[in-house]
N, C-alpha and C. Protein backbone atom coordinates (compact mmCIF):
# COMPACT_ATOMS: atom_id res chain seq x y z
N UNK A 1 123.03 -28.05 -43.54
CA UNK A 1 122.32 -28.81 -42.59
C UNK A 1 122.90 -30.32 -42.92
N UNK A 2 122.95 -31.11 -41.84
CA UNK A 2 123.65 -32.42 -41.96
C UNK A 2 122.41 -33.44 -42.57
N UNK A 3 122.86 -34.46 -43.26
CA UNK A 3 122.10 -35.33 -43.73
C UNK A 3 121.15 -36.02 -42.67
N UNK A 4 121.80 -36.31 -41.49
CA UNK A 4 121.02 -37.02 -40.46
C UNK A 4 119.89 -36.18 -39.97
N UNK A 5 120.03 -34.89 -39.91
CA UNK A 5 118.97 -34.12 -39.46
C UNK A 5 117.69 -34.04 -40.46
N UNK A 6 118.10 -34.08 -41.67
CA UNK A 6 117.11 -34.26 -42.68
C UNK A 6 116.40 -35.55 -42.64
N UNK A 7 117.12 -36.55 -42.51
CA UNK A 7 116.61 -37.86 -42.49
C UNK A 7 115.63 -37.99 -41.17
N UNK A 8 116.15 -37.45 -40.04
CA UNK A 8 115.27 -37.40 -38.81
C UNK A 8 113.96 -36.76 -39.02
N UNK A 9 114.02 -35.54 -39.74
CA UNK A 9 112.74 -34.83 -39.91
C UNK A 9 111.86 -35.68 -40.84
N UNK A 10 112.49 -36.26 -41.83
CA UNK A 10 111.67 -37.05 -42.76
C UNK A 10 111.02 -38.24 -42.12
N UNK A 11 111.73 -38.83 -41.25
CA UNK A 11 111.18 -39.98 -40.50
C UNK A 11 110.04 -39.48 -39.47
N UNK A 12 110.28 -38.36 -38.93
CA UNK A 12 109.25 -37.83 -38.04
C UNK A 12 107.98 -37.51 -38.84
N UNK A 13 108.08 -37.03 -40.07
CA UNK A 13 106.86 -36.79 -40.84
C UNK A 13 106.20 -38.04 -41.14
N UNK A 14 106.92 -39.19 -41.44
CA UNK A 14 106.22 -40.36 -41.81
C UNK A 14 105.44 -40.93 -40.55
N UNK A 15 106.11 -40.78 -39.38
CA UNK A 15 105.37 -41.25 -38.12
C UNK A 15 104.19 -40.42 -37.73
N UNK A 16 104.08 -39.21 -38.21
CA UNK A 16 103.02 -38.35 -37.82
C UNK A 16 101.75 -38.85 -38.39
N UNK A 17 101.90 -39.48 -39.61
CA UNK A 17 100.66 -39.99 -40.29
C UNK A 17 100.04 -41.11 -39.41
N UNK A 18 100.85 -41.76 -38.57
CA UNK A 18 100.35 -42.92 -37.84
C UNK A 18 99.96 -42.51 -36.40
N UNK A 19 100.22 -41.15 -35.99
CA UNK A 19 99.91 -40.66 -34.72
C UNK A 19 98.44 -40.34 -34.58
N UNK A 20 97.75 -40.68 -33.45
CA UNK A 20 96.42 -40.25 -33.28
C UNK A 20 96.26 -38.89 -32.66
N UNK A 21 97.41 -38.20 -32.41
CA UNK A 21 97.35 -36.79 -31.76
C UNK A 21 96.72 -35.81 -32.71
N UNK A 22 96.09 -34.82 -32.00
CA UNK A 22 95.51 -33.74 -32.78
C UNK A 22 96.51 -33.04 -33.68
N UNK A 23 96.09 -32.52 -34.84
CA UNK A 23 96.90 -31.94 -35.79
C UNK A 23 97.64 -30.68 -35.30
N UNK A 24 96.90 -29.96 -34.36
CA UNK A 24 97.46 -28.65 -33.81
C UNK A 24 98.68 -28.99 -32.94
N UNK A 25 98.62 -30.15 -32.15
CA UNK A 25 99.66 -30.49 -31.45
C UNK A 25 100.99 -30.96 -32.16
N UNK A 26 100.66 -31.65 -33.30
CA UNK A 26 101.77 -32.05 -34.09
C UNK A 26 102.37 -30.95 -34.91
N UNK A 27 101.48 -29.84 -35.29
CA UNK A 27 102.16 -28.72 -35.92
C UNK A 27 102.97 -27.84 -35.04
N UNK A 28 102.58 -27.98 -33.67
CA UNK A 28 103.40 -27.16 -32.76
C UNK A 28 104.71 -27.78 -32.64
N UNK A 29 104.78 -29.17 -32.68
CA UNK A 29 106.18 -29.88 -32.48
C UNK A 29 106.99 -29.45 -33.73
N UNK A 30 106.47 -29.62 -34.87
CA UNK A 30 107.17 -29.42 -36.08
C UNK A 30 107.70 -28.03 -36.14
N UNK A 31 106.85 -27.00 -35.81
CA UNK A 31 107.28 -25.63 -35.76
C UNK A 31 108.41 -25.44 -34.81
N UNK A 32 108.34 -26.02 -33.59
CA UNK A 32 109.41 -25.95 -32.49
C UNK A 32 110.72 -26.47 -33.09
N UNK A 33 110.66 -27.58 -33.83
CA UNK A 33 111.84 -28.19 -34.35
C UNK A 33 112.48 -27.27 -35.37
N UNK A 34 111.66 -26.74 -36.28
CA UNK A 34 112.19 -25.83 -37.32
C UNK A 34 112.72 -24.58 -36.79
N UNK A 35 112.10 -24.04 -35.78
CA UNK A 35 112.49 -22.82 -35.20
C UNK A 35 113.90 -22.99 -34.40
N UNK A 36 113.89 -24.12 -33.72
CA UNK A 36 115.18 -24.49 -32.99
C UNK A 36 116.27 -24.69 -33.91
N UNK A 37 116.10 -25.32 -35.14
CA UNK A 37 117.15 -25.47 -36.07
C UNK A 37 117.57 -24.11 -36.67
N UNK A 38 116.55 -23.32 -36.98
CA UNK A 38 116.82 -21.96 -37.54
C UNK A 38 117.61 -21.05 -36.61
N UNK A 39 117.29 -21.10 -35.28
CA UNK A 39 117.90 -20.27 -34.33
C UNK A 39 119.39 -20.72 -34.18
N UNK A 40 119.58 -22.02 -34.12
CA UNK A 40 120.95 -22.55 -34.03
C UNK A 40 121.77 -22.05 -35.21
N UNK A 41 121.35 -22.23 -36.47
CA UNK A 41 122.03 -21.85 -37.59
C UNK A 41 122.25 -20.36 -37.60
N UNK A 42 121.26 -19.57 -37.22
CA UNK A 42 121.37 -18.11 -37.22
C UNK A 42 122.47 -17.73 -36.35
N UNK A 43 122.44 -18.27 -35.18
CA UNK A 43 123.48 -17.87 -34.21
C UNK A 43 124.98 -18.25 -34.64
N UNK A 44 125.09 -19.34 -35.37
CA UNK A 44 126.44 -19.59 -36.03
C UNK A 44 126.79 -18.62 -37.15
N UNK A 45 125.84 -18.19 -37.84
CA UNK A 45 126.11 -17.19 -38.85
C UNK A 45 126.47 -15.88 -38.31
N UNK A 46 125.70 -15.43 -37.28
CA UNK A 46 126.00 -14.17 -36.55
C UNK A 46 127.34 -14.27 -35.78
N UNK A 47 127.72 -15.28 -35.35
CA UNK A 47 128.97 -15.34 -34.46
C UNK A 47 130.10 -15.13 -35.46
N UNK A 48 130.04 -15.25 -36.75
CA UNK A 48 131.16 -15.05 -37.62
C UNK A 48 131.22 -13.72 -38.22
N UNK A 49 130.30 -12.79 -37.84
CA UNK A 49 130.33 -11.33 -38.25
C UNK A 49 131.34 -10.65 -37.41
N UNK A 50 132.37 -9.98 -38.04
CA UNK A 50 133.28 -9.35 -37.20
C UNK A 50 132.77 -8.21 -36.38
N UNK A 51 133.24 -7.97 -35.23
CA UNK A 51 132.80 -6.78 -34.27
C UNK A 51 133.54 -5.50 -34.81
N UNK A 52 132.81 -4.45 -34.53
CA UNK A 52 133.53 -3.24 -34.95
C UNK A 52 133.76 -2.30 -33.68
N UNK A 53 134.87 -1.62 -33.67
CA UNK A 53 135.05 -0.68 -32.54
C UNK A 53 134.59 0.76 -32.80
N UNK A 54 133.75 0.89 -33.85
CA UNK A 54 133.23 2.23 -34.16
C UNK A 54 131.81 2.35 -33.86
N UNK A 55 131.56 3.38 -33.14
CA UNK A 55 130.15 3.75 -32.70
C UNK A 55 129.47 4.38 -33.93
N UNK A 56 128.10 4.28 -34.12
CA UNK A 56 127.39 4.92 -35.07
C UNK A 56 127.62 6.49 -35.07
N UNK A 57 127.80 6.99 -33.82
CA UNK A 57 127.93 8.42 -33.69
C UNK A 57 129.26 8.87 -34.21
N UNK A 58 130.35 7.96 -34.32
CA UNK A 58 131.59 8.32 -34.75
C UNK A 58 131.60 8.45 -36.27
N UNK A 59 130.54 7.89 -36.93
CA UNK A 59 130.44 7.86 -38.39
C UNK A 59 130.05 9.21 -38.93
N UNK A 60 129.29 9.85 -38.13
CA UNK A 60 128.68 11.23 -38.56
C UNK A 60 129.87 12.17 -38.39
N UNK A 61 130.65 12.58 -39.30
CA UNK A 61 131.74 13.41 -39.15
C UNK A 61 131.58 14.54 -40.23
N UNK A 62 132.49 15.58 -40.10
CA UNK A 62 132.46 16.63 -40.99
C UNK A 62 133.00 16.26 -42.27
N UNK A 63 132.40 16.67 -43.43
CA UNK A 63 132.94 16.31 -44.79
C UNK A 63 133.54 17.70 -45.36
N UNK A 64 134.62 17.50 -46.05
CA UNK A 64 135.34 18.57 -46.77
C UNK A 64 135.56 19.77 -45.80
N UNK A 65 135.68 19.61 -44.63
CA UNK A 65 136.04 20.73 -43.71
C UNK A 65 134.87 21.59 -43.48
N UNK A 66 133.76 21.24 -43.89
CA UNK A 66 132.60 22.14 -43.80
C UNK A 66 131.84 21.60 -42.46
N UNK A 67 131.78 22.51 -41.40
CA UNK A 67 131.17 22.03 -40.17
C UNK A 67 129.63 21.91 -40.28
N UNK A 68 129.01 22.33 -41.40
CA UNK A 68 127.55 22.16 -41.53
C UNK A 68 127.25 21.09 -42.40
N UNK A 69 128.24 20.30 -42.93
CA UNK A 69 127.99 19.14 -43.92
C UNK A 69 127.25 18.10 -43.22
N UNK A 70 127.41 17.73 -41.86
CA UNK A 70 126.68 16.69 -41.12
C UNK A 70 125.34 17.13 -40.50
N UNK A 71 124.95 18.44 -40.77
CA UNK A 71 123.72 18.91 -40.11
C UNK A 71 122.61 18.80 -41.11
N UNK A 72 121.38 18.75 -40.67
CA UNK A 72 120.19 18.60 -41.47
C UNK A 72 120.07 19.72 -42.48
N UNK A 73 119.83 19.40 -43.81
CA UNK A 73 119.56 20.35 -44.77
C UNK A 73 118.09 20.55 -44.96
N UNK A 74 117.53 21.63 -45.35
CA UNK A 74 118.09 22.96 -45.67
C UNK A 74 118.35 23.84 -44.51
N UNK A 75 118.07 23.46 -43.25
CA UNK A 75 118.18 24.28 -42.07
C UNK A 75 119.60 24.70 -41.93
N UNK A 76 120.60 23.80 -42.29
CA UNK A 76 122.06 24.22 -42.13
C UNK A 76 122.34 25.31 -43.16
N UNK A 77 121.86 25.19 -44.46
CA UNK A 77 122.11 26.26 -45.33
C UNK A 77 121.52 27.60 -44.97
N UNK A 78 120.32 27.50 -44.30
CA UNK A 78 119.65 28.77 -43.91
C UNK A 78 120.51 29.36 -42.69
N UNK A 79 120.94 28.63 -41.78
CA UNK A 79 121.76 29.05 -40.70
C UNK A 79 123.04 29.64 -41.19
N UNK A 80 123.70 28.95 -41.99
CA UNK A 80 124.96 29.42 -42.62
C UNK A 80 124.78 30.84 -43.24
N UNK A 81 123.60 30.89 -44.03
CA UNK A 81 123.30 32.13 -44.72
C UNK A 81 123.00 33.35 -43.69
N UNK A 82 122.40 32.99 -42.64
CA UNK A 82 122.08 34.14 -41.67
C UNK A 82 123.37 34.46 -40.88
N UNK A 83 124.25 33.54 -40.69
CA UNK A 83 125.64 33.83 -40.06
C UNK A 83 126.39 34.68 -40.98
N UNK A 84 126.39 34.46 -42.29
CA UNK A 84 127.16 35.14 -43.28
C UNK A 84 126.61 36.55 -43.46
N UNK A 85 125.42 36.79 -43.18
CA UNK A 85 124.65 38.10 -43.41
C UNK A 85 124.80 39.11 -42.29
N UNK A 86 125.84 38.86 -41.50
CA UNK A 86 126.16 39.84 -40.50
C UNK A 86 125.87 39.51 -39.11
N UNK A 87 125.52 38.36 -38.68
CA UNK A 87 125.25 37.98 -37.34
C UNK A 87 126.50 38.13 -36.54
N UNK A 88 126.40 38.62 -35.31
CA UNK A 88 127.58 38.66 -34.38
C UNK A 88 127.37 37.72 -33.30
N UNK A 89 128.03 36.60 -33.33
CA UNK A 89 127.95 35.60 -32.33
C UNK A 89 129.02 35.74 -31.25
N UNK A 90 128.71 35.76 -29.97
CA UNK A 90 129.58 36.05 -28.98
C UNK A 90 129.65 34.72 -28.03
N UNK A 91 130.81 34.23 -27.80
CA UNK A 91 131.09 33.09 -26.97
C UNK A 91 131.61 33.59 -25.57
N UNK A 92 131.13 33.10 -24.54
CA UNK A 92 131.48 33.43 -23.16
C UNK A 92 131.64 32.12 -22.32
N UNK A 93 132.82 31.87 -21.81
CA UNK A 93 132.97 30.76 -21.12
C UNK A 93 132.26 30.68 -19.70
N UNK A 94 131.72 29.53 -19.32
CA UNK A 94 130.96 29.29 -18.04
C UNK A 94 131.83 28.17 -17.31
N UNK A 95 132.64 28.66 -16.41
CA UNK A 95 133.53 27.70 -15.61
C UNK A 95 134.43 27.03 -16.65
N UNK A 96 134.94 25.84 -16.42
CA UNK A 96 135.89 25.17 -17.17
C UNK A 96 135.31 24.27 -18.25
N UNK A 97 133.92 24.01 -18.15
CA UNK A 97 133.31 23.09 -18.96
C UNK A 97 132.01 23.45 -19.52
N UNK A 98 131.81 24.80 -19.57
CA UNK A 98 130.44 25.25 -20.15
C UNK A 98 130.78 26.56 -21.03
N UNK A 99 129.75 26.91 -21.78
CA UNK A 99 129.86 27.93 -22.70
C UNK A 99 128.56 28.56 -22.94
N UNK A 100 128.43 29.92 -23.02
CA UNK A 100 127.22 30.58 -23.38
C UNK A 100 127.50 31.31 -24.75
N UNK A 101 126.54 31.08 -25.61
CA UNK A 101 126.61 31.68 -26.94
C UNK A 101 125.45 32.66 -27.19
N UNK A 102 125.84 33.90 -27.41
CA UNK A 102 124.83 34.98 -27.59
C UNK A 102 124.90 35.40 -29.06
N UNK A 103 123.65 35.92 -29.47
CA UNK A 103 123.54 36.43 -30.89
C UNK A 103 123.40 35.37 -31.79
N UNK A 104 122.86 34.16 -31.39
CA UNK A 104 122.60 33.07 -32.30
C UNK A 104 121.39 33.40 -33.25
N UNK A 105 121.66 33.32 -34.63
CA UNK A 105 120.39 33.66 -35.53
C UNK A 105 119.35 32.62 -35.31
N UNK A 106 118.05 32.95 -35.61
CA UNK A 106 116.95 31.95 -35.54
C UNK A 106 117.14 30.67 -36.16
N UNK A 107 117.55 30.75 -37.36
CA UNK A 107 117.77 29.36 -38.07
C UNK A 107 118.79 28.51 -37.32
N UNK A 108 119.73 29.19 -36.73
CA UNK A 108 120.85 28.35 -36.04
C UNK A 108 120.31 27.85 -34.70
N UNK A 109 119.35 28.58 -34.10
CA UNK A 109 118.73 28.07 -32.81
C UNK A 109 118.03 26.67 -32.96
N UNK A 110 117.47 26.50 -34.12
CA UNK A 110 116.76 25.29 -34.41
C UNK A 110 117.64 24.09 -34.57
N UNK A 111 118.84 24.37 -34.84
CA UNK A 111 119.93 23.30 -34.97
C UNK A 111 120.74 23.10 -33.70
N UNK A 112 120.35 23.74 -32.60
CA UNK A 112 121.28 23.73 -31.52
C UNK A 112 121.49 22.29 -30.92
N UNK A 113 120.50 21.35 -31.07
CA UNK A 113 120.56 20.03 -30.56
C UNK A 113 121.59 19.23 -31.42
N UNK A 114 121.85 19.55 -32.68
CA UNK A 114 122.72 18.75 -33.50
C UNK A 114 124.08 19.27 -33.74
N UNK A 115 124.50 20.38 -33.30
CA UNK A 115 125.79 20.96 -33.41
C UNK A 115 127.02 19.98 -33.04
N UNK A 116 126.80 19.23 -31.91
CA UNK A 116 127.77 18.36 -31.44
C UNK A 116 127.55 16.96 -31.94
N UNK A 117 126.58 16.71 -32.80
CA UNK A 117 126.23 15.36 -33.26
C UNK A 117 124.96 15.00 -32.67
N UNK A 118 124.59 13.72 -33.11
CA UNK A 118 123.27 13.27 -32.72
C UNK A 118 123.28 12.17 -31.67
N UNK A 119 124.45 12.22 -30.82
CA UNK A 119 124.57 11.20 -29.83
C UNK A 119 123.67 11.71 -28.59
N UNK A 120 122.68 10.85 -28.23
CA UNK A 120 121.85 11.29 -27.10
C UNK A 120 122.57 11.30 -25.76
N UNK A 121 123.75 10.89 -25.75
CA UNK A 121 124.59 10.87 -24.46
C UNK A 121 125.44 12.16 -24.29
N UNK A 122 125.43 12.92 -25.28
CA UNK A 122 126.08 14.24 -25.31
C UNK A 122 125.32 15.34 -24.57
N UNK A 123 125.97 16.33 -24.00
CA UNK A 123 125.28 17.43 -23.38
C UNK A 123 124.41 18.15 -24.35
N UNK A 124 123.22 18.53 -23.94
CA UNK A 124 122.34 19.27 -24.79
C UNK A 124 122.33 20.71 -24.52
N UNK A 125 121.93 21.62 -25.38
CA UNK A 125 121.91 23.03 -25.11
C UNK A 125 120.74 23.44 -24.24
N UNK A 126 120.97 24.54 -23.57
CA UNK A 126 119.83 25.04 -22.77
C UNK A 126 119.47 26.56 -23.39
N UNK A 127 118.33 26.68 -23.92
CA UNK A 127 118.00 27.92 -24.53
C UNK A 127 117.88 29.05 -23.38
N UNK A 128 118.52 30.13 -23.56
CA UNK A 128 118.55 31.19 -22.52
C UNK A 128 117.84 32.47 -23.08
N UNK A 129 117.09 32.29 -24.11
CA UNK A 129 116.30 33.40 -24.83
C UNK A 129 116.13 33.02 -26.22
N UNK A 130 115.72 34.03 -27.03
CA UNK A 130 115.52 33.86 -28.45
C UNK A 130 116.81 33.70 -29.22
N UNK A 131 117.89 34.28 -28.71
CA UNK A 131 119.16 34.21 -29.36
C UNK A 131 120.32 33.77 -28.53
N UNK A 132 120.09 32.90 -27.56
CA UNK A 132 121.19 32.59 -26.60
C UNK A 132 121.09 31.15 -26.21
N UNK A 133 122.27 30.52 -26.11
CA UNK A 133 122.30 29.15 -25.69
C UNK A 133 123.39 28.94 -24.68
N UNK A 134 123.14 27.96 -23.83
CA UNK A 134 124.27 27.45 -22.83
C UNK A 134 124.37 25.94 -23.00
N UNK A 135 125.62 25.68 -22.94
CA UNK A 135 126.04 24.26 -22.88
C UNK A 135 126.85 24.03 -21.67
N UNK A 136 126.68 22.91 -20.92
CA UNK A 136 127.39 22.60 -19.75
C UNK A 136 127.97 21.21 -19.90
N UNK A 137 128.97 20.89 -19.13
CA UNK A 137 129.55 19.60 -19.04
C UNK A 137 130.20 19.19 -20.36
N UNK A 138 130.86 20.13 -21.05
CA UNK A 138 131.47 19.89 -22.28
C UNK A 138 132.97 19.54 -22.24
N UNK A 139 133.54 18.85 -23.12
CA UNK A 139 135.00 18.58 -23.24
C UNK A 139 135.47 19.81 -24.08
N UNK A 140 136.89 19.99 -23.95
CA UNK A 140 137.41 21.06 -24.77
C UNK A 140 137.26 20.78 -26.28
N UNK A 141 137.20 19.63 -26.70
CA UNK A 141 136.95 19.24 -28.11
C UNK A 141 135.57 19.64 -28.59
N UNK A 142 134.66 19.51 -27.58
CA UNK A 142 133.25 19.92 -27.97
C UNK A 142 133.11 21.48 -28.01
N UNK A 143 133.65 22.10 -27.10
CA UNK A 143 133.63 23.62 -27.18
C UNK A 143 134.36 24.11 -28.48
N UNK A 144 135.49 23.61 -28.77
CA UNK A 144 136.17 23.93 -30.06
C UNK A 144 135.23 23.66 -31.35
N UNK A 145 134.49 22.53 -31.25
CA UNK A 145 133.49 22.20 -32.31
C UNK A 145 132.45 23.26 -32.48
N UNK A 146 131.88 23.73 -31.28
CA UNK A 146 131.01 24.84 -31.33
C UNK A 146 131.49 25.97 -31.88
N UNK A 147 132.70 26.45 -31.50
CA UNK A 147 133.41 27.60 -32.01
C UNK A 147 133.61 27.44 -33.50
N UNK A 148 134.12 26.32 -33.97
CA UNK A 148 134.30 26.15 -35.40
C UNK A 148 133.01 26.21 -36.26
N UNK A 149 131.93 25.63 -35.67
CA UNK A 149 130.69 25.65 -36.44
C UNK A 149 130.09 27.00 -36.67
N UNK A 150 130.08 27.77 -35.52
CA UNK A 150 129.45 29.12 -35.75
C UNK A 150 130.37 30.16 -36.26
N UNK A 151 131.63 30.06 -35.90
CA UNK A 151 132.55 31.15 -36.33
C UNK A 151 132.94 30.93 -37.86
N UNK A 152 133.14 29.71 -38.20
CA UNK A 152 133.68 29.37 -39.60
C UNK A 152 132.59 29.96 -40.67
N UNK A 153 131.37 29.78 -40.29
CA UNK A 153 130.37 30.19 -41.29
C UNK A 153 130.34 31.79 -41.39
N UNK A 154 130.87 32.32 -40.37
CA UNK A 154 130.80 33.93 -40.39
C UNK A 154 132.06 34.42 -41.16
N UNK A 155 133.00 33.51 -41.36
CA UNK A 155 134.23 33.79 -42.04
C UNK A 155 135.29 34.27 -41.01
N UNK A 156 135.07 33.96 -39.73
CA UNK A 156 136.09 34.37 -38.79
C UNK A 156 137.24 33.28 -38.55
């Protein structure tokens, strides 16, 4: 803060004692002055923070090559266990941008919304029964991620 600003505020405070205005009115003026100064300095501080080209959704990635590492625990562990216990998951393409997954174990059905990440703009699954899911409007990368997540846990 500059010395002149501090001196101006000090002078204003000395003149307030001489003012016949109600205290609430004077309090409002003082509050407005301080809020204005604070907002100005805050905007200067914030303007110096560097911008990032990374989305929060890009941060949630696989760790150590485990496709279940970024999923909620212990549900991911239970899903992985059911896949390793002999579940047969079958992938069927639907057009060029969709996939149907049959034979999905119950623990894995509960994770269907987060297989592709937690980005609300990504396509969501459509349950087609107690062990079947459909995804539409997927990129090839998203289809590959679904394959990797469910097949890798089976050891395929």
